[in-house]
Amino acid sequence: RSVEQIHQETDVPFATLEALHQSGLLNWIPRDANGDLSSIGSIAHASGTCSPCLFWFRNLCTKSIGCSYCHFKHEGQKSKRIRPSRKARLLMRADAKAAGDGGVEEER
C-alpha cells in the first residue's frame, strides 16, 4: 500500500508515515487480525524479543504506530494498574475539592 493510502486508513500524520517509509520500517510493521497496522515495537513480536505496550493493552496508547512497544497481546499478559502522574493526581484532587468532596487525603 502507498503511504497516502495508509495515511487515510490510519489518520497517522503523513510526515510520520513518510519518515517510516524512507527508513524502510513501514513495510516491516505487522498488521493485526483486523488488518490494521500495529506499531514499530511489534516488528520483533514474531521473534519473541518484543516488550508489550501496557498502554495499548488498556486502549490508552497515544503513540499509534510510532510506539516502540508491541501492540499484540502476549501470553500471560495481565491488566496492570497505571498510576496517574503526580501532576494528574494533584489536578484530580483539586477538582474533587472544588466539587466539595472533602474526603480526599492530601499528597505527602
N, C-alpha and C. Protein backbone atom coordinates (compact mmCIF):
# COMPACT_ATOMS: atom_id res chain seq x y z
N ARG A 1 0.84 -1.19 0.00
CA ARG A 1 0.00 0.00 0.00
C ARG A 1 0.88 1.25 0.00
N SER A 2 0.33 2.29 -0.55
CA SER A 2 1.09 3.53 -0.61
C SER A 2 0.99 4.27 0.72
N VAL A 3 1.92 5.20 0.93
CA VAL A 3 1.92 6.00 2.15
C VAL A 3 0.62 6.79 2.26
N GLU A 4 0.12 7.29 1.15
CA GLU A 4 -1.13 8.05 1.14
C GLU A 4 -2.30 7.18 1.58
N GLN A 5 -2.38 5.94 1.10
CA GLN A 5 -3.46 5.03 1.49
C GLN A 5 -3.39 4.73 2.99
N ILE A 6 -2.19 4.48 3.48
CA ILE A 6 -2.02 4.18 4.90
C ILE A 6 -2.40 5.40 5.74
N HIS A 7 -2.03 6.59 5.27
CA HIS A 7 -2.40 7.83 5.97
C HIS A 7 -3.92 7.95 6.08
N GLN A 8 -4.63 7.66 5.01
CA GLN A 8 -6.08 7.77 5.01
C GLN A 8 -6.73 6.74 5.91
N GLU A 9 -6.17 5.53 5.97
CA GLU A 9 -6.79 4.49 6.79
C GLU A 9 -6.43 4.58 8.27
N THR A 10 -5.31 5.23 8.60
CA THR A 10 -4.87 5.26 10.00
C THR A 10 -4.95 6.62 10.66
N ASP A 11 -5.03 7.69 9.90
CA ASP A 11 -5.00 9.05 10.44
C ASP A 11 -3.67 9.39 11.11
N VAL A 12 -2.63 8.59 10.85
CA VAL A 12 -1.29 8.92 11.33
C VAL A 12 -0.77 10.04 10.44
N PRO A 13 -0.11 11.05 11.01
CA PRO A 13 0.39 12.16 10.19
C PRO A 13 1.23 11.68 9.00
N PHE A 14 1.00 12.29 7.87
CA PHE A 14 1.69 11.89 6.64
C PHE A 14 3.20 11.96 6.80
N ALA A 15 3.70 12.99 7.47
CA ALA A 15 5.14 13.15 7.65
C ALA A 15 5.73 11.97 8.44
N THR A 16 5.00 11.50 9.43
CA THR A 16 5.46 10.35 10.22
C THR A 16 5.54 9.11 9.36
N LEU A 17 4.50 8.88 8.57
CA LEU A 17 4.48 7.72 7.68
C LEU A 17 5.58 7.80 6.62
N GLU A 18 5.78 8.99 6.09
CA GLU A 18 6.82 9.18 5.07
C GLU A 18 8.20 8.88 5.65
N ALA A 19 8.44 9.35 6.88
CA ALA A 19 9.73 9.08 7.54
C ALA A 19 9.92 7.59 7.76
N LEU A 20 8.86 6.90 8.20
CA LEU A 20 8.94 5.45 8.39
C LEU A 20 9.18 4.73 7.07
N HIS A 21 8.55 5.23 6.00
CA HIS A 21 8.74 4.64 4.67
C HIS A 21 10.18 4.83 4.19
N GLN A 22 10.71 6.04 4.38
CA GLN A 22 12.08 6.33 3.95
C GLN A 22 13.10 5.48 4.71
N SER A 23 12.82 5.19 5.99
CA SER A 23 13.75 4.37 6.77
C SER A 23 13.57 2.89 6.51
N GLY A 24 12.52 2.53 5.79
CA GLY A 24 12.27 1.13 5.48
C GLY A 24 11.46 0.39 6.54
N LEU A 25 11.09 1.07 7.61
CA LEU A 25 10.36 0.42 8.70
C LEU A 25 8.89 0.20 8.40
N LEU A 26 8.29 1.06 7.60
CA LEU A 26 6.86 0.99 7.36
C LEU A 26 6.44 -0.37 6.80
N ASN A 27 7.24 -0.92 5.92
CA ASN A 27 6.91 -2.21 5.31
C ASN A 27 7.07 -3.38 6.29
N TRP A 28 7.80 -3.17 7.38
CA TRP A 28 8.03 -4.23 8.36
C TRP A 28 7.01 -4.25 9.49
N ILE A 29 6.24 -3.18 9.64
CA ILE A 29 5.26 -3.11 10.73
C ILE A 29 4.14 -4.11 10.43
N PRO A 30 3.94 -5.08 11.34
CA PRO A 30 2.91 -6.10 11.09
C PRO A 30 1.50 -5.55 11.27
N ARG A 31 0.56 -6.25 10.67
CA ARG A 31 -0.85 -5.90 10.80
C ARG A 31 -1.52 -6.89 11.76
N ASP A 32 -2.53 -6.40 12.46
CA ASP A 32 -3.25 -7.27 13.40
C ASP A 32 -4.29 -8.11 12.65
N ALA A 33 -5.10 -8.84 13.39
CA ALA A 33 -6.10 -9.72 12.79
C ALA A 33 -7.13 -8.95 11.97
N ASN A 34 -7.32 -7.67 12.28
CA ASN A 34 -8.27 -6.83 11.53
C ASN A 34 -7.64 -6.16 10.32
N GLY A 35 -6.34 -6.36 10.13
CA GLY A 35 -5.64 -5.74 9.01
C GLY A 35 -5.10 -4.36 9.31
N ASP A 36 -5.20 -3.93 10.57
CA ASP A 36 -4.70 -2.61 10.97
C ASP A 36 -3.22 -2.69 11.31
N LEU A 37 -2.47 -1.62 11.00
CA LEU A 37 -1.06 -1.57 11.37
C LEU A 37 -0.93 -1.58 12.89
N SER A 38 0.07 -2.29 13.40
CA SER A 38 0.27 -2.34 14.85
C SER A 38 1.22 -1.21 15.25
N SER A 39 2.48 -1.52 15.53
CA SER A 39 3.45 -0.49 15.95
C SER A 39 4.86 -0.92 15.56
N ILE A 40 5.78 0.04 15.63
CA ILE A 40 7.18 -0.27 15.34
C ILE A 40 7.68 -1.34 16.30
N GLY A 41 7.27 -1.24 17.57
CA GLY A 41 7.70 -2.21 18.57
C GLY A 41 7.18 -3.61 18.32
N SER A 42 6.18 -3.75 17.46
CA SER A 42 5.61 -5.07 17.15
C SER A 42 6.41 -5.82 16.10
N ILE A 43 7.37 -5.15 15.48
CA ILE A 43 8.18 -5.81 14.45
C ILE A 43 8.89 -7.03 15.02
N ALA A 44 9.33 -6.95 16.27
CA ALA A 44 10.05 -8.06 16.89
C ALA A 44 9.13 -9.10 17.53
N HIS A 45 7.81 -8.96 17.37
CA HIS A 45 6.87 -9.88 18.02
C HIS A 45 7.07 -11.32 17.56
N ALA A 46 7.23 -11.52 16.26
CA ALA A 46 7.37 -12.88 15.72
C ALA A 46 8.59 -13.60 16.29
N SER A 47 9.65 -12.85 16.59
CA SER A 47 10.86 -13.48 17.14
C SER A 47 10.79 -13.62 18.65
N GLY A 48 9.78 -13.01 19.28
CA GLY A 48 9.60 -13.13 20.71
C GLY A 48 10.51 -12.22 21.53
N THR A 49 11.11 -11.23 20.88
CA THR A 49 12.03 -10.34 21.58
C THR A 49 11.43 -8.96 21.84
N CYS A 50 10.11 -8.84 21.69
CA CYS A 50 9.46 -7.55 21.89
C CYS A 50 9.04 -7.37 23.35
N SER A 51 8.69 -6.14 23.69
CA SER A 51 8.15 -5.81 25.02
C SER A 51 6.72 -5.30 24.81
N PRO A 52 5.75 -5.85 25.54
CA PRO A 52 4.36 -5.43 25.33
C PRO A 52 4.11 -4.00 25.80
N CYS A 53 3.21 -3.33 25.12
CA CYS A 53 2.81 -1.97 25.46
C CYS A 53 1.67 -2.02 26.48
N LEU A 54 1.94 -1.59 27.68
CA LEU A 54 0.94 -1.58 28.74
C LEU A 54 -0.22 -0.66 28.38
N PHE A 55 0.07 0.44 27.74
CA PHE A 55 -0.97 1.41 27.40
C PHE A 55 -1.88 0.89 26.29
N TRP A 56 -1.31 0.20 25.29
CA TRP A 56 -2.12 -0.38 24.21
C TRP A 56 -3.06 -1.43 24.78
N PHE A 57 -2.55 -2.24 25.69
CA PHE A 57 -3.35 -3.30 26.29
C PHE A 57 -4.59 -2.72 26.97
N ARG A 58 -4.48 -1.51 27.48
CA ARG A 58 -5.61 -0.86 28.14
C ARG A 58 -6.31 0.16 27.23
N ASN A 59 -5.99 0.12 25.93
CA ASN A 59 -6.56 1.04 24.93
C ASN A 59 -6.25 2.50 25.24
N LEU A 60 -5.04 2.76 25.76
CA LEU A 60 -4.65 4.12 26.12
C LEU A 60 -3.40 4.60 25.39
N CYS A 61 -2.82 3.81 24.50
CA CYS A 61 -1.58 4.20 23.82
C CYS A 61 -1.88 5.30 22.80
N THR A 62 -1.20 6.42 22.95
CA THR A 62 -1.41 7.55 22.05
C THR A 62 -0.34 7.64 20.96
N LYS A 63 0.64 6.74 21.00
CA LYS A 63 1.75 6.81 20.05
C LYS A 63 1.47 6.09 18.74
N SER A 64 0.40 5.31 18.68
CA SER A 64 -0.01 4.63 17.47
C SER A 64 1.13 3.77 16.90
N ILE A 65 1.36 3.86 15.60
CA ILE A 65 2.39 3.00 15.00
C ILE A 65 3.80 3.45 15.39
N GLY A 66 3.94 4.63 15.96
CA GLY A 66 5.24 5.12 16.38
C GLY A 66 5.69 4.57 17.73
N CYS A 67 4.84 3.78 18.38
CA CYS A 67 5.17 3.24 19.70
C CYS A 67 6.28 2.20 19.59
N SER A 68 7.24 2.28 20.49
CA SER A 68 8.37 1.34 20.45
C SER A 68 8.08 0.04 21.20
N TYR A 69 6.85 -0.10 21.70
CA TYR A 69 6.43 -1.32 22.38
C TYR A 69 5.43 -2.08 21.51
N CYS A 70 5.30 -3.36 21.77
CA CYS A 70 4.49 -4.25 20.94
C CYS A 70 3.00 -4.05 21.19
N HIS A 71 2.24 -3.99 20.09
CA HIS A 71 0.79 -3.81 20.15
C HIS A 71 0.05 -5.11 19.82
N PHE A 72 0.57 -6.23 20.28
CA PHE A 72 -0.11 -7.51 20.19
C PHE A 72 -0.24 -8.07 21.59
N LYS A 73 -1.31 -8.85 21.81
CA LYS A 73 -1.49 -9.46 23.13
C LYS A 73 -0.46 -10.56 23.31
N HIS A 74 0.12 -10.61 24.51
CA HIS A 74 1.12 -11.61 24.83
C HIS A 74 0.55 -12.63 25.80
N GLU A 75 1.02 -13.84 25.69
CA GLU A 75 0.56 -14.90 26.57
C GLU A 75 0.85 -14.53 28.02
N GLY A 76 -0.15 -14.67 28.86
CA GLY A 76 0.01 -14.36 30.27
C GLY A 76 -0.06 -12.88 30.60
N GLN A 77 -0.32 -12.04 29.62
CA GLN A 77 -0.37 -10.59 29.86
C GLN A 77 -1.61 -10.26 30.69
N LYS A 78 -1.40 -9.52 31.75
CA LYS A 78 -2.49 -9.13 32.64
C LYS A 78 -2.62 -7.62 32.65
N SER A 79 -3.81 -7.17 32.94
CA SER A 79 -4.04 -5.74 33.04
C SER A 79 -3.38 -5.21 34.30
N LYS A 80 -2.49 -4.26 34.15
CA LYS A 80 -1.81 -3.66 35.28
C LYS A 80 -2.40 -2.27 35.54
N ARG A 81 -2.35 -1.88 36.79
CA ARG A 81 -2.84 -0.56 37.17
C ARG A 81 -1.83 0.49 36.70
N ILE A 82 -2.31 1.49 36.01
CA ILE A 82 -1.46 2.60 35.60
C ILE A 82 -1.70 3.73 36.58
N ARG A 83 -0.69 4.04 37.37
CA ARG A 83 -0.83 5.11 38.35
C ARG A 83 -0.71 6.46 37.66
N PRO A 84 -1.68 7.34 37.90
CA PRO A 84 -1.58 8.67 37.29
C PRO A 84 -0.34 9.41 37.82
N SER A 85 0.19 10.28 37.02
CA SER A 85 1.35 11.07 37.43
C SER A 85 0.99 11.94 38.62
N ARG A 86 1.99 12.44 39.30
CA ARG A 86 1.76 13.30 40.47
C ARG A 86 0.94 14.53 40.06
N LYS A 87 1.28 15.10 38.92
CA LYS A 87 0.56 16.27 38.44
C LYS A 87 -0.92 15.94 38.21
N ALA A 88 -1.18 14.77 37.59
CA ALA A 88 -2.56 14.37 37.33
C ALA A 88 -3.31 14.12 38.64
N ARG A 89 -2.63 13.51 39.60
CA ARG A 89 -3.27 13.26 40.90
C ARG A 89 -3.61 14.58 41.60
N LEU A 90 -2.69 15.56 41.52
CA LEU A 90 -2.96 16.86 42.15
C LEU A 90 -4.13 17.57 41.47
N LEU A 91 -4.22 17.45 40.14
CA LEU A 91 -5.33 18.05 39.41
C LEU A 91 -6.66 17.38 39.79
N MET A 92 -6.64 16.04 39.89
CA MET A 92 -7.86 15.33 40.29
C MET A 92 -8.28 15.74 41.70
N ARG A 93 -7.30 15.89 42.57
CA ARG A 93 -7.57 16.27 43.95
C ARG A 93 -8.17 17.69 44.00
N ALA A 94 -7.61 18.59 43.20
CA ALA A 94 -8.11 19.97 43.15
C ALA A 94 -9.54 20.00 42.61
N ASP A 95 -9.81 19.19 41.58
CA ASP A 95 -11.16 19.13 41.02
C ASP A 95 -12.15 18.59 42.04
N ALA A 96 -11.74 17.56 42.78
CA ALA A 96 -12.61 16.98 43.80
C ALA A 96 -12.88 17.99 44.91
N LYS A 97 -11.85 18.74 45.29
CA LYS A 97 -12.00 19.74 46.34
C LYS A 97 -12.94 20.86 45.88
N ALA A 98 -12.80 21.26 44.62
CA ALA A 98 -13.65 22.31 44.07
C ALA A 98 -15.11 21.85 43.99
N ALA A 99 -15.29 20.55 43.82
CA ALA A 99 -16.64 20.00 43.73
C ALA A 99 -17.26 19.79 45.11
N GLY A 100 -16.46 20.04 46.17
CA GLY A 100 -16.97 19.93 47.53
C GLY A 100 -16.72 18.59 48.16
N ASP A 101 -15.90 17.77 47.54
CA ASP A 101 -15.58 16.45 48.11
C ASP A 101 -14.37 16.62 49.02
N GLY A 102 -14.60 16.73 50.32
CA GLY A 102 -13.52 16.97 51.27
C GLY A 102 -12.89 15.72 51.81
N GLY A 103 -13.31 14.51 51.35
CA GLY A 103 -12.80 13.27 51.90
C GLY A 103 -11.52 12.77 51.26
N VAL A 104 -10.89 13.56 50.42
CA VAL A 104 -9.66 13.13 49.74
C VAL A 104 -8.46 13.55 50.55
N GLU A 105 -7.51 12.60 50.75
CA GLU A 105 -6.30 12.92 51.52
C GLU A 105 -5.38 13.79 50.71
N GLU A 106 -4.51 14.53 51.41
CA GLU A 106 -3.54 15.39 50.74
C GLU A 106 -2.31 14.60 50.35
N GLU A 107 -1.61 15.05 49.28
CA GLU A 107 -0.35 14.46 48.81
C GLU A 107 0.73 14.75 49.83
N ARG A 108 1.56 13.77 50.10
CA ARG A 108 2.65 13.96 51.07
C ARG A 108 3.90 14.39 50.40
